[in-house]
Amino acid sequence: MDQTLAPIAAQIPVRASSTDDPAELLRFAIDAHCLGAAALATLVEIRGGAARSLGAHMAVAADGRFCGYVSGGCVEAAVAAEALLAMKEGRDRTIKLGEGSPFFDIVLPCGGGISIAIHVLKDIGPLQHVLDRLGQRQAAGLVYSPERQTLISVDPPLRTCWTEGDFLTAYRPRTRVVLSGQTLEAQAVARLAEASGYDVIIRGRGEGAADTIDPFTAVVLLHHDIDAEAAILEAALHSPAFYIGALGSTRTHRRRVERLTAMAFGQDDIRRVKAPIGMFGPTRDATSLALSVLADVAAARLVAYA
């Protein structure tokens, strides 16, 4: 046996972190590769139900450390062990878990089955390319070829899927929340959004807002006076933001619609404004409103980038 590979076989998988942020996982894989060897495990098939979506990753280092999830936490150690074997052999492998799997003792709580493609990293360039694009708040893509055992960077696909024997993974920047308002509600939304891992930018009455709104941005307006929201709302409606929400009652929103109509905004533009804001309501405290708003933002993001 090649003595340089012997330590890999002897390692016991241990979780290094509980993150499932794709950028953090790719960064972990790059760092691990630079220290010796690494593998990237990707969820490439779902049979029945599953806890994660296609394209979910785990990154595994040669010393046994791993992070990420391809299920709900019940199979990740087994996947890491398979990744260590793949690194030892220097060859990619695909494993099946749950329904249709030869591992009868590994049962998924959802009752379904999944397939995981394990790629032994040879070139970290494609991963770094994805990180660079995400850092610039641009979408990115990777193509994995099981036949060629290669991973290359490509223009971002519309969705994560198989095509002609290759698996395409789409990466998109994390959700940004551009928040406007000097209210207690705004403070609560900002705290919860930051705790959720969102990129939070607080704006006043619209200054510089257009420069911070991209297709992966939700604009949240929490003013008690619709005059105060006018400038940033106009900027949001001229932007590609995937979500625009505004505080206020149904009566307040009628006034908002009248104002926007007078400004020559069409009905399609006006319908982009979710008002009253939030997924459920009415709410009577700042924490409930924050939960309602961010639940609505998360749901809109899933619809926009399913």
C-alpha atoms as a PDB file:
ATOM      1  CA  MET A   1       0.000   0.000   0.000  1.00  0.00           C
ATOM      2  CA  ASP A   2       1.185   3.500  -0.779  1.00  0.00           C
ATOM      3  CA  GLN A   3       2.249   4.807   2.629  1.00  0.00           C
ATOM      4  CA  THR A   4       1.011   8.303   1.752  1.00  0.00           C
ATOM      5  CA  LEU A   5      -2.501   6.902   1.522  1.00  0.00           C
ATOM      6  CA  ALA A   6      -2.437   4.793   4.674  1.00  0.00           C
ATOM      7  CA  PRO A   7      -3.405   7.642   7.046  1.00  0.00           C
ATOM      8  CA  ILE A   8      -6.541   8.341   5.003  1.00  0.00           C
ATOM      9  CA  ALA A   9      -7.820   4.812   5.473  1.00  0.00           C
ATOM     10  CA  ALA A  10      -7.243   5.005   9.224  1.00  0.00           C
ATOM     11  CA  GLN A  11      -9.225   8.174   9.822  1.00  0.00           C
ATOM     12  CA  ILE A  12     -12.552   8.229  11.635  1.00  0.00           C
ATOM     13  CA  PRO A  13     -15.079  10.732  10.254  1.00  0.00           C
ATOM     14  CA  VAL A  14     -15.809  13.640  12.578  1.00  0.00           C
ATOM     15  CA  ARG A  15     -18.042  16.618  11.874  1.00  0.00           C
ATOM     16  CA  ALA A  16     -16.050  19.857  11.683  1.00  0.00           C
ATOM     17  CA  SER A  17     -19.016  22.240  11.508  1.00  0.00           C
ATOM     18  CA  SER A  18     -22.779  22.228  11.091  1.00  0.00           C
ATOM     19  CA  THR A  19     -22.927  24.664   8.168  1.00  0.00           C
ATOM     20  CA  ASP A  20     -24.821  23.930   4.970  1.00  0.00           C
ATOM     21  CA  ASP A  21     -23.807  27.152   3.205  1.00  0.00           C
ATOM     22  CA  PRO A  22     -22.435  26.082  -0.218  1.00  0.00           C
ATOM     23  CA  ALA A  23     -19.759  28.783  -0.206  1.00  0.00           C
ATOM     24  CA  GLU A  24     -18.449  27.661   3.183  1.00  0.00           C
ATOM     25  CA  LEU A  25     -18.435  24.021   2.053  1.00  0.00           C
ATOM     26  CA  LEU A  26     -16.468  24.792  -1.107  1.00  0.00           C
ATOM     27  CA  ARG A  27     -14.015  26.881   0.922  1.00  0.00           C
ATOM     28  CA  PHE A  28     -13.569  23.981   3.349  1.00  0.00           C
ATOM     29  CA  ALA A  29     -12.895  21.634   0.416  1.00  0.00           C
ATOM     30  CA  ILE A  30     -10.301  23.997  -1.064  1.00  0.00           C
ATOM     31  CA  ASP A  31      -8.497  24.359   2.260  1.00  0.00           C
ATOM     32  CA  ALA A  32      -8.557  20.595   2.848  1.00  0.00           C
ATOM     33  CA  HIS A  33      -7.173  19.907  -0.640  1.00  0.00           C
ATOM     34  CA  CYS A  34      -4.334  22.343  -0.032  1.00  0.00           C
ATOM     35  CA  LEU A  35      -3.463  20.446   3.156  1.00  0.00           C
ATOM     36  CA  GLY A  36      -3.442  17.014   1.520  1.00  0.00           C
ATOM     37  CA  ALA A  37      -6.588  15.655  -0.096  1.00  0.00           C
ATOM     38  CA  ALA A  38     -10.321  16.294  -0.159  1.00  0.00           C
ATOM     39  CA  ALA A  39     -13.527  14.968  -1.652  1.00  0.00           C
ATOM     40  CA  LEU A  40     -16.784  16.675  -2.565  1.00  0.00           C
ATOM     41  CA  ALA A  41     -19.933  14.601  -2.067  1.00  0.00           C
ATOM     42  CA  THR A  42     -23.060  15.735  -3.932  1.00  0.00           C
ATOM     43  CA  LEU A  43     -26.680  14.657  -3.692  1.00  0.00           C
ATOM     44  CA  VAL A  44     -27.445  13.667  -7.307  1.00  0.00           C
ATOM     45  CA  GLU A  45     -30.622  11.581  -7.027  1.00  0.00           C
ATOM     46  CA  ILE A  46     -33.692  11.540  -4.807  1.00  0.00           C
ATOM     47  CA  ARG A  47     -36.038   8.556  -4.694  1.00  0.00           C
ATOM     48  CA  GLY A  48     -39.218   9.471  -2.846  1.00  0.00           C
ATOM     49  CA  GLY A  49     -38.782  12.000  -0.046  1.00  0.00           C
ATOM     50  CA  ALA A  50     -35.544  13.633   1.063  1.00  0.00           C
ATOM     51  CA  ALA A  51     -34.357  16.134   3.644  1.00  0.00           C
ATOM     52  CA  ARG A  52     -32.167  18.086   1.196  1.00  0.00           C
ATOM     53  CA  SER A  53     -32.473  19.285  -2.376  1.00  0.00           C
ATOM     54  CA  LEU A  54     -30.515  18.073  -5.392  1.00  0.00           C
ATOM     55  CA  GLY A  55     -27.009  19.505  -5.430  1.00  0.00           C
ATOM     56  CA  ALA A  56     -26.572  19.557  -1.648  1.00  0.00           C
ATOM     57  CA  HIS A  57     -22.927  19.055  -0.736  1.00  0.00           C
ATOM     58  CA  MET A  58     -20.633  17.564   1.843  1.00  0.00           C
ATOM     59  CA  ALA A  59     -16.920  18.330   1.878  1.00  0.00           C
ATOM     60  CA  VAL A  60     -14.568  15.730   3.391  1.00  0.00           C
ATOM     61  CA  ALA A  61     -10.919  16.193   4.327  1.00  0.00           C
ATOM     62  CA  ALA A  62      -8.294  13.452   4.313  1.00  0.00           C
ATOM     63  CA  ASP A  63      -7.988  13.659   8.093  1.00  0.00           C
ATOM     64  CA  GLY A  64     -11.666  12.648   8.503  1.00  0.00           C
ATOM     65  CA  ARG A  65     -13.163  16.089   9.142  1.00  0.00           C
ATOM     66  CA  PHE A  66     -16.307  16.834   7.193  1.00  0.00           C
ATOM     67  CA  CYS A  67     -19.029  19.435   6.919  1.00  0.00           C
ATOM     68  CA  GLY A  68     -22.285  19.851   5.051  1.00  0.00           C
ATOM     69  CA  TYR A  69     -25.396  17.716   4.677  1.00  0.00           C
ATOM     70  CA  VAL A  70     -26.838  15.453   2.005  1.00  0.00           C
ATOM     71  CA  SER A  71     -29.635  14.292   4.301  1.00  0.00           C
ATOM     72  CA  GLY A  72     -30.941  15.222   7.729  1.00  0.00           C
ATOM     73  CA  GLY A  73     -27.755  14.238   9.566  1.00  0.00           C
ATOM     74  CA  CYS A  74     -28.445  10.502   9.732  1.00  0.00           C
ATOM     75  CA  VAL A  75     -26.131   9.308   6.919  1.00  0.00           C
ATOM     76  CA  GLU A  76     -23.406  11.933   6.749  1.00  0.00           C
ATOM     77  CA  ALA A  77     -20.814   9.958   8.740  1.00  0.00           C
ATOM     78  CA  ALA A  78     -21.322   6.982   6.410  1.00  0.00           C
ATOM     79  CA  VAL A  79     -20.894   9.246   3.366  1.00  0.00           C
ATOM     80  CA  ALA A  80     -17.703  10.678   4.870  1.00  0.00           C
ATOM     81  CA  ALA A  81     -16.360   7.149   5.411  1.00  0.00           C
ATOM     82  CA  GLU A  82     -17.059   6.343   1.754  1.00  0.00           C
ATOM     83  CA  ALA A  83     -15.307   9.558   0.743  1.00  0.00           C
ATOM     84  CA  LEU A  84     -12.231   8.537   2.733  1.00  0.00           C
ATOM     85  CA  LEU A  85     -12.188   5.208   0.878  1.00  0.00           C
ATOM     86  CA  ALA A  86     -12.529   7.041  -2.430  1.00  0.00           C
ATOM     87  CA  MET A  87      -9.545   9.239  -1.534  1.00  0.00           C
ATOM     88  CA  LYS A  88      -7.537   6.182  -0.556  1.00  0.00           C
ATOM     89  CA  GLU A  89      -8.259   4.543  -3.926  1.00  0.00           C
ATOM     90  CA  GLY A  90      -7.966   7.781  -5.860  1.00  0.00           C
ATOM     91  CA  ARG A  91     -11.226   7.099  -7.679  1.00  0.00           C
ATOM     92  CA  ASP A  92     -14.681   8.638  -7.626  1.00  0.00           C
ATOM     93  CA  ARG A  93     -17.660   6.578  -6.549  1.00  0.00           C
ATOM     94  CA  THR A  94     -21.428   6.850  -6.338  1.00  0.00           C
ATOM     95  CA  ILE A  95     -23.320   5.329  -3.433  1.00  0.00           C
ATOM     96  CA  LYS A  96     -27.000   4.686  -2.815  1.00  0.00           C
ATOM     97  CA  LEU A  97     -28.561   5.075   0.619  1.00  0.00           C
ATOM     98  CA  GLY A  98     -32.057   4.328   1.857  1.00  0.00           C
ATOM     99  CA  GLU A  99     -34.537   2.827  -0.619  1.00  0.00           C
ATOM    100  CA  GLY A 100     -32.762   0.724  -3.250  1.00  0.00           C
ATOM    101  CA  SER A 101     -29.498   0.704  -1.315  1.00  0.00           C
ATOM    102  CA  PRO A 102     -27.336  -2.337  -0.484  1.00  0.00           C
ATOM    103  CA  PHE A 103     -26.738  -0.803   2.952  1.00  0.00           C
ATOM    104  CA  PHE A 104     -29.777  -2.355   4.641  1.00  0.00           C
ATOM    105  CA  ASP A 105     -28.810  -0.912   8.032  1.00  0.00           C
ATOM    106  CA  ILE A 106     -28.943   2.705   6.809  1.00  0.00           C
ATOM    107  CA  VAL A 107     -32.580   3.790   6.654  1.00  0.00           C
ATOM    108  CA  LEU A 108     -33.631   7.352   5.911  1.00  0.00           C
ATOM    109  CA  PRO A 109     -36.306   8.737   8.260  1.00  0.00           C
ATOM    110  CA  CYS A 110     -38.250  10.065   5.247  1.00  0.00           C
ATOM    111  CA  GLY A 111     -38.502   6.529   3.869  1.00  0.00           C
ATOM    112  CA  GLY A 112     -37.001   7.463   0.495  1.00  0.00           C
ATOM    113  CA  GLY A 113     -33.626   6.929  -1.062  1.00  0.00           C
ATOM    114  CA  ILE A 114     -30.751   9.070  -2.282  1.00  0.00           C
ATOM    115  CA  SER A 115     -27.666   8.702  -4.435  1.00  0.00           C
ATOM    116  CA  ILE A 116     -24.447  10.520  -3.586  1.00  0.00           C
ATOM    117  CA  ALA A 117     -21.657  11.161  -6.089  1.00  0.00           C
ATOM    118  CA  ILE A 118     -18.255  11.410  -4.406  1.00  0.00           C
ATOM    119  CA  HIS A 119     -15.595  13.254  -6.363  1.00  0.00           C
ATOM    120  CA  VAL A 120     -11.955  13.136  -5.292  1.00  0.00           C
ATOM    121  CA  LEU A 121     -10.734  16.659  -5.932  1.00  0.00           C
ATOM    122  CA  LYS A 122      -7.899  16.998  -8.404  1.00  0.00           C
ATOM    123  CA  ASP A 123      -8.273  20.666  -9.317  1.00  0.00           C
ATOM    124  CA  ILE A 124      -9.617  23.348  -6.988  1.00  0.00           C
ATOM    125  CA  GLY A 125      -9.810  25.925  -9.774  1.00  0.00           C
ATOM    126  CA  PRO A 126     -13.506  25.298 -10.547  1.00  0.00           C
ATOM    127  CA  LEU A 127     -14.421  25.619  -6.862  1.00  0.00           C
ATOM    128  CA  GLN A 128     -12.490  28.864  -6.561  1.00  0.00           C
ATOM    129  CA  HIS A 129     -14.254  30.162  -9.671  1.00  0.00           C
ATOM    130  CA  VAL A 130     -17.627  29.541  -8.015  1.00  0.00           C
ATOM    131  CA  LEU A 131     -16.477  31.319  -4.845  1.00  0.00           C
ATOM    132  CA  ASP A 132     -15.197  34.279  -6.843  1.00  0.00           C
ATOM    133  CA  ARG A 133     -18.522  34.671  -8.638  1.00  0.00           C
ATOM    134  CA  LEU A 134     -20.540  34.321  -5.453  1.00  0.00           C
ATOM    135  CA  GLY A 135     -18.289  36.933  -3.858  1.00  0.00           C
ATOM    136  CA  GLN A 136     -19.295  39.264  -6.690  1.00  0.00           C
ATOM    137  CA  ARG A 137     -22.959  38.304  -6.106  1.00  0.00           C
ATOM    138  CA  GLN A 138     -23.179  36.458  -9.401  1.00  0.00           C
ATOM    139  CA  ALA A 139     -24.605  33.008 -10.037  1.00  0.00           C
ATOM    140  CA  ALA A 140     -22.219  30.180 -10.939  1.00  0.00           C
ATOM    141  CA  GLY A 141     -22.278  26.583 -12.101  1.00  0.00           C
ATOM    142  CA  LEU A 142     -20.298  23.345 -11.935  1.00  0.00           C
ATOM    143  CA  VAL A 143     -20.558  20.269 -14.148  1.00  0.00           C
ATOM    144  CA  TYR A 144     -19.568  16.893 -12.737  1.00  0.00           C
ATOM    145  CA  SER A 145     -18.884  14.015 -15.126  1.00  0.00           C
ATOM    146  CA  PRO A 146     -18.994  10.598 -13.421  1.00  0.00           C
ATOM    147  CA  GLU A 147     -17.581   8.970 -16.558  1.00  0.00           C
ATOM    148  CA  ARG A 148     -14.573  11.270 -16.815  1.00  0.00           C
ATOM    149  CA  GLN A 149     -14.374  11.905 -13.060  1.00  0.00           C
ATOM    150  CA  THR A 150     -13.987  15.615 -13.699  1.00  0.00           C
ATOM    151  CA  LEU A 151     -15.448  18.789 -12.235  1.00  0.00           C
ATOM    152  CA  ILE A 152     -15.442  21.961 -14.326  1.00  0.00           C
ATOM    153  CA  SER A 153     -16.923  25.446 -13.946  1.00  0.00           C
ATOM    154  CA  VAL A 154     -19.587  26.577 -16.431  1.00  0.00           C
ATOM    155  CA  ASP A 155     -22.095  29.345 -16.928  1.00  0.00           C
ATOM    156  CA  PRO A 156     -24.823  28.996 -14.285  1.00  0.00           C
ATOM    157  CA  PRO A 157     -27.597  26.607 -15.311  1.00  0.00           C
ATOM    158  CA  LEU A 158     -31.220  27.532 -14.709  1.00  0.00           C
ATOM    159  CA  ARG A 159     -31.512  24.699 -12.218  1.00  0.00           C
ATOM    160  CA  THR A 160     -29.576  21.814 -10.719  1.00  0.00           C
ATOM    161  CA  CYS A 161     -30.145  18.695 -12.825  1.00  0.00           C
ATOM    162  CA  TRP A 162     -28.719  15.867 -14.907  1.00  0.00           C
ATOM    163  CA  THR A 163     -28.062  16.459 -18.588  1.00  0.00           C
ATOM    164  CA  GLU A 164     -26.524  13.981 -21.047  1.00  0.00           C
ATOM    165  CA  GLY A 165     -24.838  11.971 -18.311  1.00  0.00           C
ATOM    166  CA  ASP A 166     -23.382  14.975 -16.485  1.00  0.00           C
ATOM    167  CA  PHE A 167     -24.660  16.589 -13.277  1.00  0.00           C
ATOM    168  CA  LEU A 168     -25.058  20.369 -13.279  1.00  0.00           C
ATOM    169  CA  THR A 169     -25.123  22.267 -10.011  1.00  0.00           C
ATOM    170  CA  ALA A 170     -26.355  25.856  -9.822  1.00  0.00           C
ATOM    171  CA  TYR A 171     -24.997  28.238  -7.169  1.00  0.00           C
ATOM    172  CA  ARG A 172     -26.595  31.550  -6.318  1.00  0.00           C
ATOM    173  CA  PRO A 173     -25.575  34.294  -3.877  1.00  0.00           C
ATOM    174  CA  ARG A 174     -27.065  34.284  -0.426  1.00  0.00           C
ATOM    175  CA  THR A 175     -30.208  36.296   0.124  1.00  0.00           C
ATOM    176  CA  ARG A 176     -29.650  39.990   0.678  1.00  0.00           C
ATOM    177  CA  VAL A 177     -32.196  42.000   2.657  1.00  0.00           C
ATOM    178  CA  VAL A 178     -32.231  45.735   1.963  1.00  0.00           C
ATOM    179  CA  LEU A 179     -34.111  47.104   4.933  1.00  0.00           C
ATOM    180  CA  SER A 180     -35.506  50.612   5.209  1.00  0.00           C
ATOM    181  CA  GLY A 181     -37.064  52.013   8.365  1.00  0.00           C
ATOM    182  CA  GLN A 182     -36.080  53.379  11.760  1.00  0.00           C
ATOM    183  CA  THR A 183     -38.713  51.418  13.640  1.00  0.00           C
ATOM    184  CA  LEU A 184     -38.692  48.754  16.331  1.00  0.00           C
ATOM    185  CA  GLU A 185     -39.980  46.373  13.682  1.00  0.00           C
ATOM    186  CA  ALA A 186     -36.996  47.140  11.454  1.00  0.00           C
ATOM    187  CA  GLN A 187     -34.592  46.370  14.289  1.00  0.00           C
ATOM    188  CA  ALA A 188     -36.295  43.019  14.905  1.00  0.00           C
ATOM    189  CA  VAL A 189     -36.181  42.086  11.209  1.00  0.00           C
ATOM    190  CA  ALA A 190     -32.493  43.039  11.010  1.00  0.00           C
ATOM    191  CA  ARG A 191     -31.582  40.868  14.026  1.00  0.00           C
ATOM    192  CA  LEU A 192     -33.480  37.846  12.752  1.00  0.00           C
ATOM    193  CA  ALA A 193     -32.191  38.239   9.190  1.00  0.00           C
ATOM    194  CA  GLU A 194     -28.590  38.376  10.401  1.00  0.00           C
ATOM    195  CA  ALA A 195     -29.161  35.310  12.592  1.00  0.00           C
ATOM    196  CA  SER A 196     -30.537  33.534   9.510  1.00  0.00           C
ATOM    197  CA  GLY A 197     -27.328  34.179   7.596  1.00  0.00           C
ATOM    198  CA  TYR A 198     -28.759  36.807   5.273  1.00  0.00           C
ATOM    199  CA  ASP A 199     -26.734  39.733   4.003  1.00  0.00           C
ATOM    200  CA  VAL A 200     -28.436  42.716   5.673  1.00  0.00           C
ATOM    201  CA  ILE A 201     -28.105  46.280   4.409  1.00  0.00           C
ATOM    202  CA  ILE A 202     -29.956  49.066   6.212  1.00  0.00           C
ATOM    203  CA  ARG A 203     -30.925  52.112   4.189  1.00  0.00           C
ATOM    204  CA  GLY A 204     -32.625  55.324   5.164  1.00  0.00           C
ATOM    205  CA  ARG A 205     -34.906  56.986   2.622  1.00  0.00           C
ATOM    206  CA  GLY A 206     -33.376  55.480  -0.485  1.00  0.00           C
ATOM    207  CA  GLU A 207     -29.862  56.853  -0.716  1.00  0.00           C
ATOM    208  CA  GLY A 208     -27.667  54.408  -2.632  1.00  0.00           C
ATOM    209  CA  ALA A 209     -30.369  51.745  -2.644  1.00  0.00           C
ATOM    210  CA  ALA A 210     -30.182  51.029  -6.362  1.00  0.00           C
ATOM    211  CA  ASP A 211     -26.516  50.037  -6.051  1.00  0.00           C
ATOM    212  CA  THR A 212     -27.282  47.340  -3.500  1.00  0.00           C
ATOM    213  CA  ILE A 213     -30.356  45.690  -5.059  1.00  0.00           C
ATOM    214  CA  ASP A 214     -29.716  42.713  -7.336  1.00  0.00           C
ATOM    215  CA  PRO A 215     -31.823  39.684  -8.405  1.00  0.00           C
ATOM    216  CA  PHE A 216     -31.079  37.949  -5.096  1.00  0.00           C
ATOM    217  CA  THR A 217     -32.289  40.851  -2.952  1.00  0.00           C
ATOM    218  CA  ALA A 218     -35.452  41.300  -0.917  1.00  0.00           C
ATOM    219  CA  VAL A 219     -36.456  44.912  -0.244  1.00  0.00           C
ATOM    220  CA  VAL A 220     -38.266  45.344   3.072  1.00  0.00           C
ATOM    221  CA  LEU A 221     -39.898  48.705   3.787  1.00  0.00           C
ATOM    222  CA  LEU A 222     -40.917  49.238   7.398  1.00  0.00           C
ATOM    223  CA  HIS A 223     -41.962  52.871   7.586  1.00  0.00           C
ATOM    224  CA  HIS A 224     -45.045  54.154   9.382  1.00  0.00           C
ATOM    225  CA  ASP A 225     -45.251  57.003   6.877  1.00  0.00           C
ATOM    226  CA  ILE A 226     -45.509  56.153   3.172  1.00  0.00           C
ATOM    227  CA  ASP A 227     -43.832  59.468   2.319  1.00  0.00           C
ATOM    228  CA  ALA A 228     -40.662  58.127   3.953  1.00  0.00           C
ATOM    229  CA  GLU A 229     -40.624  55.006   1.765  1.00  0.00           C
ATOM    230  CA  ALA A 230     -41.239  56.777  -1.558  1.00  0.00           C
ATOM    231  CA  ALA A 231     -37.656  57.047  -2.845  1.00  0.00           C
ATOM    232  CA  ILE A 232     -36.537  53.524  -1.955  1.00  0.00           C
ATOM    233  CA  LEU A 233     -39.793  51.998  -3.180  1.00  0.00           C
ATOM    234  CA  GLU A 234     -39.305  53.671  -6.544  1.00  0.00           C
ATOM    235  CA  ALA A 235     -35.733  52.341  -6.680  1.00  0.00           C
ATOM    236  CA  ALA A 236     -36.943  48.851  -5.783  1.00  0.00           C
ATOM    237  CA  LEU A 237     -39.585  48.840  -8.520  1.00  0.00           C
ATOM    238  CA  HIS A 238     -36.928  49.773 -11.083  1.00  0.00           C
ATOM    239  CA  SER A 239     -34.697  46.935  -9.800  1.00  0.00           C
ATOM    240  CA  PRO A 240     -34.631  43.138 -10.320  1.00  0.00           C
ATOM    241  CA  ALA A 241     -35.349  42.434  -6.610  1.00  0.00           C
ATOM    242  CA  PHE A 242     -37.155  39.121  -6.171  1.00  0.00           C
ATOM    243  CA  TYR A 243     -39.240  40.468  -3.266  1.00  0.00           C
ATOM    244  CA  ILE A 244     -40.601  43.887  -2.330  1.00  0.00           C
ATOM    245  CA  GLY A 245     -42.685  44.218   0.826  1.00  0.00           C
ATOM    246  CA  ALA A 246     -44.072  47.250   2.614  1.00  0.00           C
ATOM    247  CA  LEU A 247     -45.550  47.833   6.048  1.00  0.00           C
ATOM    248  CA  GLY A 248     -49.043  49.252   6.363  1.00  0.00           C
ATOM    249  CA  SER A 249     -52.715  48.419   6.405  1.00  0.00           C
ATOM    250  CA  THR A 250     -54.898  47.665   3.402  1.00  0.00           C
ATOM    251  CA  ARG A 251     -56.063  51.275   3.497  1.00  0.00           C
ATOM    252  CA  THR A 252     -52.473  52.498   3.502  1.00  0.00           C
ATOM    253  CA  HIS A 253     -51.691  50.282   0.545  1.00  0.00           C
ATOM    254  CA  ARG A 254     -54.567  51.773  -1.442  1.00  0.00           C
ATOM    255  CA  ARG A 255     -52.946  55.173  -0.979  1.00  0.00           C
ATOM    256  CA  ARG A 256     -49.615  53.661  -2.045  1.00  0.00           C
ATOM    257  CA  VAL A 257     -51.191  52.208  -5.192  1.00  0.00           C
ATOM    258  CA  GLU A 258     -52.769  55.558  -6.061  1.00  0.00           C
ATOM    259  CA  ARG A 259     -49.402  57.259  -5.691  1.00  0.00           C
ATOM    260  CA  LEU A 260     -47.578  54.676  -7.808  1.00  0.00           C
ATOM    261  CA  THR A 261     -50.266  54.867 -10.482  1.00  0.00           C
ATOM    262  CA  ALA A 262     -49.860  58.636 -10.607  1.00  0.00           C
ATOM    263  CA  MET A 263     -46.119  58.050 -11.092  1.00  0.00           C
ATOM    264  CA  ALA A 264     -46.953  55.976 -14.227  1.00  0.00           C
ATOM    265  CA  PHE A 265     -46.100  52.575 -12.759  1.00  0.00           C
ATOM    266  CA  GLY A 266     -48.101  49.802 -14.427  1.00  0.00           C
ATOM    267  CA  GLN A 267     -50.218  47.201 -12.664  1.00  0.00           C
ATOM    268  CA  ASP A 268     -47.568  44.491 -13.111  1.00  0.00           C
ATOM    269  CA  ASP A 269     -45.048  46.705 -11.309  1.00  0.00           C
ATOM    270  CA  ILE A 270     -47.475  47.589  -8.532  1.00  0.00           C
ATOM    271  CA  ARG A 271     -48.384  43.946  -7.974  1.00  0.00           C
ATOM    272  CA  ARG A 272     -44.742  43.291  -7.098  1.00  0.00           C
ATOM    273  CA  VAL A 273     -45.288  45.103  -3.805  1.00  0.00           C
ATOM    274  CA  LYS A 274     -46.415  42.724  -1.051  1.00  0.00           C
ATOM    275  CA  ALA A 275     -48.575  44.807   1.277  1.00  0.00           C
ATOM    276  CA  PRO A 276     -49.466  44.360   4.006  1.00  0.00           C
ATOM    277  CA  ILE A 277     -46.042  42.769   4.307  1.00  0.00           C
ATOM    278  CA  GLY A 278     -45.440  39.266   5.631  1.00  0.00           C
ATOM    279  CA  MET A 279     -46.669  35.706   5.346  1.00  0.00           C
ATOM    280  CA  PHE A 280     -49.223  35.933   8.132  1.00  0.00           C
ATOM    281  CA  GLY A 281     -50.949  38.743   9.903  1.00  0.00           C
ATOM    282  CA  PRO A 282     -51.968  40.973  11.352  1.00  0.00           C
ATOM    283  CA  THR A 283     -49.196  40.895  13.939  1.00  0.00           C
ATOM    284  CA  ARG A 284     -49.140  42.873  17.164  1.00  0.00           C
ATOM    285  CA  ASP A 285     -45.477  42.693  18.177  1.00  0.00           C
ATOM    286  CA  ALA A 286     -42.131  43.230  16.472  1.00  0.00           C
ATOM    287  CA  THR A 287     -40.879  39.652  16.824  1.00  0.00           C
ATOM    288  CA  SER A 288     -43.974  38.148  15.207  1.00  0.00           C
ATOM    289  CA  LEU A 289     -43.720  40.656  12.377  1.00  0.00           C
ATOM    290  CA  ALA A 290     -40.060  39.788  11.831  1.00  0.00           C
ATOM    291  CA  LEU A 291     -40.901  36.082  11.631  1.00  0.00           C
ATOM    292  CA  SER A 292     -43.746  36.815   9.226  1.00  0.00           C
ATOM    293  CA  VAL A 293     -41.597  38.997   6.965  1.00  0.00           C
ATOM    294  CA  LEU A 294     -38.622  36.649   6.752  1.00  0.00           C
ATOM    295  CA  ALA A 295     -40.829  33.596   6.230  1.00  0.00           C
ATOM    296  CA  ASP A 296     -42.366  35.445   3.291  1.00  0.00           C
ATOM    297  CA  VAL A 297     -38.922  36.358   1.953  1.00  0.00           C
ATOM    298  CA  ALA A 298     -37.729  32.738   2.225  1.00  0.00           C
ATOM    299  CA  ALA A 299     -40.841  31.439   0.463  1.00  0.00           C
ATOM    300  CA  ALA A 300     -40.464  33.990  -2.340  1.00  0.00           C
ATOM    301  CA  ARG A 301     -36.821  33.048  -2.816  1.00  0.00           C
ATOM    302  CA  LEU A 302     -37.754  29.372  -3.179  1.00  0.00           C
ATOM    303  CA  VAL A 303     -40.333  30.220  -5.823  1.00  0.00           C
ATOM    304  CA  ALA A 304     -37.963  32.526  -7.702  1.00  0.00           C
ATOM    305  CA  TYR A 305     -35.038  30.108  -7.716  1.00  0.00           C
ATOM    306  CA  ALA A 306     -36.507  26.631  -7.309  1.00  0.00           C
END
